[in-house]
């Protein structure tokens, strides 16, 4: 049985929850309490020395400790429905857009949040090490998130999905990034009609409630 080390309030493991649901994969879940720094405990470091979630123990016993590895494993182990593409062109397009959404969306929100939230003082980056907040990075992150919404709205002006002509992992990452942006009080407005339409359509998928 697959085991997911999760945190219900964190964006990164949500990506895995959605992926597992879209593929209909049964699994066990272990909640890791990030609010109380359980990820830094000796016990959890024995599971994932990077002190991050998600982590996924495969049915074969391997421990995967990042979204890239988890997604690659699940797609290879459970190929239907395909979420990383089927043709070389699709695979390349999805990989490109998934990376772009991670970099321009998820990381921008994290930059704004982790460099401003009082609860994250000295925790500006995830992992074992403590890093001080840099207020200027928080401001830059907010600008980046606003531009991310503009970019996605333009991308979706004549299409139903982020990458190719079907639902993919890029849509999962984009939904999580968009919803994560609420923590820094940014969300699509009337100036983003295509993005709003797409998000409403994504909400019809049961997996998106996870």
C-alpha atoms as a PDB file:
ATOM      1  CA  UNK A   1       0.000   0.000   0.000  1.00  0.00           C
ATOM      2  CA  UNK A   2       1.224   3.489  -0.874  1.00  0.00           C
ATOM      3  CA  UNK A   3       1.632   5.864   2.072  1.00  0.00           C
ATOM      4  CA  UNK A   4       1.439   9.631   1.640  1.00  0.00           C
ATOM      5  CA  UNK A   5       3.007  11.875   4.265  1.00  0.00           C
ATOM      6  CA  UNK A   6       0.715  14.852   4.006  1.00  0.00           C
ATOM      7  CA  UNK A   7      -0.289  18.133   5.596  1.00  0.00           C
ATOM      8  CA  UNK A   8      -3.884  19.125   4.930  1.00  0.00           C
ATOM      9  CA  UNK A   9      -3.131  22.865   4.908  1.00  0.00           C
ATOM     10  CA  UNK A  10      -0.001  22.863   2.720  1.00  0.00           C
ATOM     11  CA  UNK A  11      -0.036  23.360  -1.065  1.00  0.00           C
ATOM     12  CA  UNK A  12       2.704  20.931  -2.095  1.00  0.00           C
ATOM     13  CA  UNK A  13       1.106  17.733  -0.752  1.00  0.00           C
ATOM     14  CA  UNK A  14      -2.247  18.863  -2.119  1.00  0.00           C
ATOM     15  CA  UNK A  15      -0.794  18.382  -5.593  1.00  0.00           C
ATOM     16  CA  UNK A  16      -0.197  14.724  -4.757  1.00  0.00           C
ATOM     17  CA  UNK A  17      -3.659  14.280  -3.223  1.00  0.00           C
ATOM     18  CA  UNK A  18      -5.248  15.563  -6.418  1.00  0.00           C
ATOM     19  CA  UNK A  19      -3.006  13.375  -8.586  1.00  0.00           C
ATOM     20  CA  UNK A  20      -3.846  10.265  -6.552  1.00  0.00           C
ATOM     21  CA  UNK A  21      -7.552  11.051  -6.793  1.00  0.00           C
ATOM     22  CA  UNK A  22      -7.453  11.673 -10.540  1.00  0.00           C
ATOM     23  CA  UNK A  23      -5.797   8.293 -11.026  1.00  0.00           C
ATOM     24  CA  UNK A  24      -8.032   6.543  -8.502  1.00  0.00           C
ATOM     25  CA  UNK A  25      -5.099   5.211  -6.474  1.00  0.00           C
ATOM     26  CA  UNK A  26      -5.805   3.797  -3.027  1.00  0.00           C
ATOM     27  CA  UNK A  27      -3.357   4.892  -0.357  1.00  0.00           C
ATOM     28  CA  UNK A  28      -2.814   5.488   3.317  1.00  0.00           C
ATOM     29  CA  UNK A  29      -2.224   8.978   4.698  1.00  0.00           C
ATOM     30  CA  UNK A  30      -0.058  10.148   7.583  1.00  0.00           C
ATOM     31  CA  UNK A  31      -0.574  13.767   8.588  1.00  0.00           C
ATOM     32  CA  UNK A  32       2.548  15.802   9.426  1.00  0.00           C
ATOM     33  CA  UNK A  33       1.844  18.812  11.652  1.00  0.00           C
ATOM     34  CA  UNK A  34       3.784  21.656  10.028  1.00  0.00           C
ATOM     35  CA  UNK A  35       2.245  24.228  12.351  1.00  0.00           C
ATOM     36  CA  UNK A  36       4.051  22.598  15.267  1.00  0.00           C
ATOM     37  CA  UNK A  37       7.211  21.864  13.250  1.00  0.00           C
ATOM     38  CA  UNK A  38       6.734  18.097  13.232  1.00  0.00           C
ATOM     39  CA  UNK A  39       8.625  18.014   9.924  1.00  0.00           C
ATOM     40  CA  UNK A  40      11.771  18.980  11.850  1.00  0.00           C
ATOM     41  CA  UNK A  41      11.446  16.195  14.403  1.00  0.00           C
ATOM     42  CA  UNK A  42      13.993  13.398  14.625  1.00  0.00           C
ATOM     43  CA  UNK A  43      11.264  10.876  13.857  1.00  0.00           C
ATOM     44  CA  UNK A  44      10.239  12.591  10.625  1.00  0.00           C
ATOM     45  CA  UNK A  45      13.820  13.228   9.555  1.00  0.00           C
ATOM     46  CA  UNK A  46      14.253   9.461   9.542  1.00  0.00           C
ATOM     47  CA  UNK A  47      11.438   9.327   6.995  1.00  0.00           C
ATOM     48  CA  UNK A  48      12.454  12.379   4.965  1.00  0.00           C
ATOM     49  CA  UNK A  49      15.795  14.032   5.805  1.00  0.00           C
ATOM     50  CA  UNK A  50      14.742  17.055   3.733  1.00  0.00           C
ATOM     51  CA  UNK A  51      12.104  17.851   6.384  1.00  0.00           C
ATOM     52  CA  UNK A  52       9.430  18.607   3.798  1.00  0.00           C
ATOM     53  CA  UNK A  53       6.076  17.318   2.651  1.00  0.00           C
ATOM     54  CA  UNK A  54       4.935  15.574   0.596  1.00  0.00           C
ATOM     55  CA  UNK A  55       6.779  12.320   0.955  1.00  0.00           C
ATOM     56  CA  UNK A  56       5.478   9.092  -0.501  1.00  0.00           C
ATOM     57  CA  UNK A  57       6.413   5.539   0.344  1.00  0.00           C
ATOM     58  CA  UNK A  58       5.776   3.318  -2.656  1.00  0.00           C
ATOM     59  CA  UNK A  59       4.294  -0.139  -2.517  1.00  0.00           C
ATOM     60  CA  UNK A  60       7.796  -1.451  -3.162  1.00  0.00           C
ATOM     61  CA  UNK A  61       9.164   0.431  -0.154  1.00  0.00           C
ATOM     62  CA  UNK A  62      10.992   3.319  -1.868  1.00  0.00           C
ATOM     63  CA  UNK A  63      10.666   6.773  -0.300  1.00  0.00           C
ATOM     64  CA  UNK A  64      10.043   9.663  -2.701  1.00  0.00           C
ATOM     65  CA  UNK A  65      10.460  13.128  -1.234  1.00  0.00           C
ATOM     66  CA  UNK A  66       9.388  15.682  -3.850  1.00  0.00           C
ATOM     67  CA  UNK A  67       6.546  16.289  -6.280  1.00  0.00           C
ATOM     68  CA  UNK A  68       8.689  15.640  -9.356  1.00  0.00           C
ATOM     69  CA  UNK A  69       9.682  12.149  -8.225  1.00  0.00           C
ATOM     70  CA  UNK A  70       6.216  11.304  -6.906  1.00  0.00           C
ATOM     71  CA  UNK A  71       4.513  12.403 -10.123  1.00  0.00           C
ATOM     72  CA  UNK A  72       6.980  10.498 -12.306  1.00  0.00           C
ATOM     73  CA  UNK A  73       6.526   7.339 -10.240  1.00  0.00           C
ATOM     74  CA  UNK A  74       2.734   7.462 -10.166  1.00  0.00           C
ATOM     75  CA  UNK A  75       2.501   8.144 -13.890  1.00  0.00           C
ATOM     76  CA  UNK A  76       4.792   5.209 -14.685  1.00  0.00           C
ATOM     77  CA  UNK A  77       3.180   2.859 -12.191  1.00  0.00           C
ATOM     78  CA  UNK A  78      -0.409   3.884 -12.955  1.00  0.00           C
ATOM     79  CA  UNK A  79      -0.407   5.204 -16.535  1.00  0.00           C
ATOM     80  CA  UNK A  80      -4.180   5.731 -16.841  1.00  0.00           C
ATOM     81  CA  UNK A  81      -5.372   8.357 -17.186  1.00  0.00           C
ATOM     82  CA  UNK A  82      -2.184   9.891 -18.600  1.00  0.00           C
ATOM     83  CA  UNK A  83      -1.409  13.194 -16.895  1.00  0.00           C
ATOM     84  CA  UNK A  84       2.108  13.763 -18.227  1.00  0.00           C
ATOM     85  CA  UNK A  85       1.202  13.346 -21.905  1.00  0.00           C
ATOM     86  CA  UNK A  86       1.371  10.430 -24.317  1.00  0.00           C
ATOM     87  CA  UNK A  87       3.288  11.766 -27.328  1.00  0.00           C
ATOM     88  CA  UNK A  88       6.743  13.365 -27.251  1.00  0.00           C
ATOM     89  CA  UNK A  89       5.211  16.750 -28.073  1.00  0.00           C
ATOM     90  CA  UNK A  90       2.599  16.452 -25.313  1.00  0.00           C
ATOM     91  CA  UNK A  91       5.158  15.350 -22.752  1.00  0.00           C
ATOM     92  CA  UNK A  92       7.382  18.313 -23.596  1.00  0.00           C
ATOM     93  CA  UNK A  93       4.524  20.842 -23.525  1.00  0.00           C
ATOM     94  CA  UNK A  94       3.179  19.593 -20.196  1.00  0.00           C
ATOM     95  CA  UNK A  95       6.632  19.489 -18.605  1.00  0.00           C
ATOM     96  CA  UNK A  96       7.328  23.026 -19.784  1.00  0.00           C
ATOM     97  CA  UNK A  97       4.073  24.478 -18.494  1.00  0.00           C
ATOM     98  CA  UNK A  98       4.223  22.580 -15.233  1.00  0.00           C
ATOM     99  CA  UNK A  99       7.688  24.000 -14.570  1.00  0.00           C
ATOM    100  CA  UNK A 100       6.533  27.485 -15.518  1.00  0.00           C
ATOM    101  CA  UNK A 101       3.548  27.341 -13.173  1.00  0.00           C
ATOM    102  CA  UNK A 102       5.795  26.095 -10.369  1.00  0.00           C
ATOM    103  CA  UNK A 103       8.359  28.841 -10.914  1.00  0.00           C
ATOM    104  CA  UNK A 104       6.118  31.800 -11.722  1.00  0.00           C
ATOM    105  CA  UNK A 105       3.199  30.805  -9.498  1.00  0.00           C
ATOM    106  CA  UNK A 106       3.909  28.511  -6.561  1.00  0.00           C
ATOM    107  CA  UNK A 107       7.387  29.840  -5.854  1.00  0.00           C
ATOM    108  CA  UNK A 108       6.231  33.447  -6.165  1.00  0.00           C
ATOM    109  CA  UNK A 109       3.500  32.935  -3.571  1.00  0.00           C
ATOM    110  CA  UNK A 110       5.949  31.127  -1.301  1.00  0.00           C
ATOM    111  CA  UNK A 111       8.418  33.994  -1.702  1.00  0.00           C
ATOM    112  CA  UNK A 112       5.776  36.515  -0.645  1.00  0.00           C
ATOM    113  CA  UNK A 113       4.461  34.445   2.255  1.00  0.00           C
ATOM    114  CA  UNK A 114       7.628  33.019   3.745  1.00  0.00           C
ATOM    115  CA  UNK A 115       9.384  36.391   3.743  1.00  0.00           C
ATOM    116  CA  UNK A 116       6.554  38.225   5.502  1.00  0.00           C
ATOM    117  CA  UNK A 117       4.558  35.927   7.795  1.00  0.00           C
ATOM    118  CA  UNK A 118       5.540  36.398  11.466  1.00  0.00           C
ATOM    119  CA  UNK A 119       5.085  32.669  12.053  1.00  0.00           C
ATOM    120  CA  UNK A 120       7.812  31.998   9.493  1.00  0.00           C
ATOM    121  CA  UNK A 121      10.478  34.247  10.949  1.00  0.00           C
ATOM    122  CA  UNK A 122      13.812  32.545  10.247  1.00  0.00           C
ATOM    123  CA  UNK A 123      11.965  29.959   8.124  1.00  0.00           C
ATOM    124  CA  UNK A 124      12.071  31.781   4.802  1.00  0.00           C
ATOM    125  CA  UNK A 125      12.912  28.532   3.015  1.00  0.00           C
ATOM    126  CA  UNK A 126      11.682  25.011   3.778  1.00  0.00           C
ATOM    127  CA  UNK A 127      14.017  22.268   4.948  1.00  0.00           C
ATOM    128  CA  UNK A 128      16.415  21.663   7.827  1.00  0.00           C
ATOM    129  CA  UNK A 129      18.202  24.999   7.750  1.00  0.00           C
ATOM    130  CA  UNK A 130      16.867  28.267   9.124  1.00  0.00           C
ATOM    131  CA  UNK A 131      17.036  31.278   6.792  1.00  0.00           C
ATOM    132  CA  UNK A 132      16.097  34.867   7.689  1.00  0.00           C
ATOM    133  CA  UNK A 133      13.243  36.670   6.015  1.00  0.00           C
ATOM    134  CA  UNK A 134      14.023  39.354   3.450  1.00  0.00           C
ATOM    135  CA  UNK A 135      11.127  41.845   3.275  1.00  0.00           C
ATOM    136  CA  UNK A 136      12.108  43.004  -0.219  1.00  0.00           C
ATOM    137  CA  UNK A 137      11.604  39.455  -1.484  1.00  0.00           C
ATOM    138  CA  UNK A 138       8.097  39.463  -0.054  1.00  0.00           C
ATOM    139  CA  UNK A 139       7.279  42.581  -2.066  1.00  0.00           C
ATOM    140  CA  UNK A 140       8.805  41.095  -5.191  1.00  0.00           C
ATOM    141  CA  UNK A 141       6.799  37.936  -4.659  1.00  0.00           C
ATOM    142  CA  UNK A 142       3.540  39.880  -4.628  1.00  0.00           C
ATOM    143  CA  UNK A 143       4.423  41.535  -7.934  1.00  0.00           C
ATOM    144  CA  UNK A 144       5.320  38.153  -9.416  1.00  0.00           C
ATOM    145  CA  UNK A 145       2.001  36.621  -8.325  1.00  0.00           C
ATOM    146  CA  UNK A 146       0.041  39.434  -9.968  1.00  0.00           C
ATOM    147  CA  UNK A 147       1.959  38.900 -13.202  1.00  0.00           C
ATOM    148  CA  UNK A 148       1.337  35.152 -12.916  1.00  0.00           C
ATOM    149  CA  UNK A 149      -2.422  35.783 -13.015  1.00  0.00           C
ATOM    150  CA  UNK A 150      -2.025  37.957 -16.097  1.00  0.00           C
ATOM    151  CA  UNK A 151       0.055  35.284 -17.805  1.00  0.00           C
ATOM    152  CA  UNK A 152      -2.407  32.476 -17.042  1.00  0.00           C
ATOM    153  CA  UNK A 153      -5.375  34.580 -18.134  1.00  0.00           C
ATOM    154  CA  UNK A 154      -3.708  35.227 -21.491  1.00  0.00           C
ATOM    155  CA  UNK A 155      -2.783  31.565 -21.863  1.00  0.00           C
ATOM    156  CA  UNK A 156      -6.380  30.477 -21.266  1.00  0.00           C
ATOM    157  CA  UNK A 157      -7.953  33.025 -23.603  1.00  0.00           C
ATOM    158  CA  UNK A 158      -8.594  30.406 -26.292  1.00  0.00           C
ATOM    159  CA  UNK A 159      -8.163  27.070 -24.529  1.00  0.00           C
ATOM    160  CA  UNK A 160      -9.665  24.906 -21.778  1.00  0.00           C
ATOM    161  CA  UNK A 161      -6.471  23.517 -20.254  1.00  0.00           C
ATOM    162  CA  UNK A 162      -3.093  24.942 -19.320  1.00  0.00           C
ATOM    163  CA  UNK A 163      -0.785  22.808 -21.439  1.00  0.00           C
ATOM    164  CA  UNK A 164      -2.349  20.621 -24.127  1.00  0.00           C
ATOM    165  CA  UNK A 165      -5.940  19.951 -25.193  1.00  0.00           C
ATOM    166  CA  UNK A 166      -6.587  17.697 -22.193  1.00  0.00           C
ATOM    167  CA  UNK A 167      -6.346  17.827 -18.426  1.00  0.00           C
ATOM    168  CA  UNK A 168      -2.803  17.331 -17.158  1.00  0.00           C
ATOM    169  CA  UNK A 169      -0.537  17.739 -14.179  1.00  0.00           C
ATOM    170  CA  UNK A 170       0.003  21.348 -15.298  1.00  0.00           C
ATOM    171  CA  UNK A 171      -3.652  22.050 -14.487  1.00  0.00           C
ATOM    172  CA  UNK A 172      -3.229  20.456 -11.065  1.00  0.00           C
ATOM    173  CA  UNK A 173      -0.222  22.620 -10.288  1.00  0.00           C
ATOM    174  CA  UNK A 174      -1.984  25.738 -11.551  1.00  0.00           C
ATOM    175  CA  UNK A 175      -5.088  25.141  -9.420  1.00  0.00           C
ATOM    176  CA  UNK A 176      -2.941  24.665  -6.327  1.00  0.00           C
ATOM    177  CA  UNK A 177      -0.881  27.771  -7.117  1.00  0.00           C
ATOM    178  CA  UNK A 178      -3.984  29.874  -7.706  1.00  0.00           C
ATOM    179  CA  UNK A 179      -5.639  28.737  -4.492  1.00  0.00           C
ATOM    180  CA  UNK A 180      -2.379  29.142  -2.556  1.00  0.00           C
ATOM    181  CA  UNK A 181      -2.245  32.789  -3.640  1.00  0.00           C
ATOM    182  CA  UNK A 182      -5.180  33.511  -1.359  1.00  0.00           C
ATOM    183  CA  UNK A 183      -2.815  33.367   1.630  1.00  0.00           C
ATOM    184  CA  UNK A 184      -1.206  36.568   0.327  1.00  0.00           C
ATOM    185  CA  UNK A 185      -4.642  38.025  -0.488  1.00  0.00           C
ATOM    186  CA  UNK A 186      -4.396  37.729  -4.239  1.00  0.00           C
ATOM    187  CA  UNK A 187      -7.054  36.096  -6.400  1.00  0.00           C
ATOM    188  CA  UNK A 188      -8.399  36.455  -9.938  1.00  0.00           C
ATOM    189  CA  UNK A 189     -10.658  39.415 -10.546  1.00  0.00           C
ATOM    190  CA  UNK A 190     -12.879  40.676 -13.340  1.00  0.00           C
ATOM    191  CA  UNK A 191      -9.730  41.523 -15.284  1.00  0.00           C
ATOM    192  CA  UNK A 192      -8.999  37.779 -15.496  1.00  0.00           C
ATOM    193  CA  UNK A 193     -12.180  36.362 -17.113  1.00  0.00           C
ATOM    194  CA  UNK A 194     -10.486  33.414 -18.833  1.00  0.00           C
ATOM    195  CA  UNK A 195      -8.729  32.399 -15.646  1.00  0.00           C
ATOM    196  CA  UNK A 196     -11.981  32.592 -13.697  1.00  0.00           C
ATOM    197  CA  UNK A 197     -13.759  30.459 -16.311  1.00  0.00           C
ATOM    198  CA  UNK A 198     -11.020  27.832 -16.175  1.00  0.00           C
ATOM    199  CA  UNK A 199     -10.990  27.728 -12.358  1.00  0.00           C
ATOM    200  CA  UNK A 200     -14.778  27.295 -12.293  1.00  0.00           C
ATOM    201  CA  UNK A 201     -14.456  24.385 -14.728  1.00  0.00           C
ATOM    202  CA  UNK A 202     -11.708  22.821 -12.627  1.00  0.00           C
ATOM    203  CA  UNK A 203     -13.972  23.039  -9.570  1.00  0.00           C
ATOM    204  CA  UNK A 204     -16.320  20.533 -11.230  1.00  0.00           C
ATOM    205  CA  UNK A 205     -13.663  17.831 -10.837  1.00  0.00           C
ATOM    206  CA  UNK A 206     -14.172  15.995  -7.495  1.00  0.00           C
ATOM    207  CA  UNK A 207     -10.416  15.845  -6.922  1.00  0.00           C
ATOM    208  CA  UNK A 208     -10.215  19.615  -6.582  1.00  0.00           C
ATOM    209  CA  UNK A 209     -12.082  19.571  -3.286  1.00  0.00           C
ATOM    210  CA  UNK A 210      -9.176  17.719  -1.662  1.00  0.00           C
END
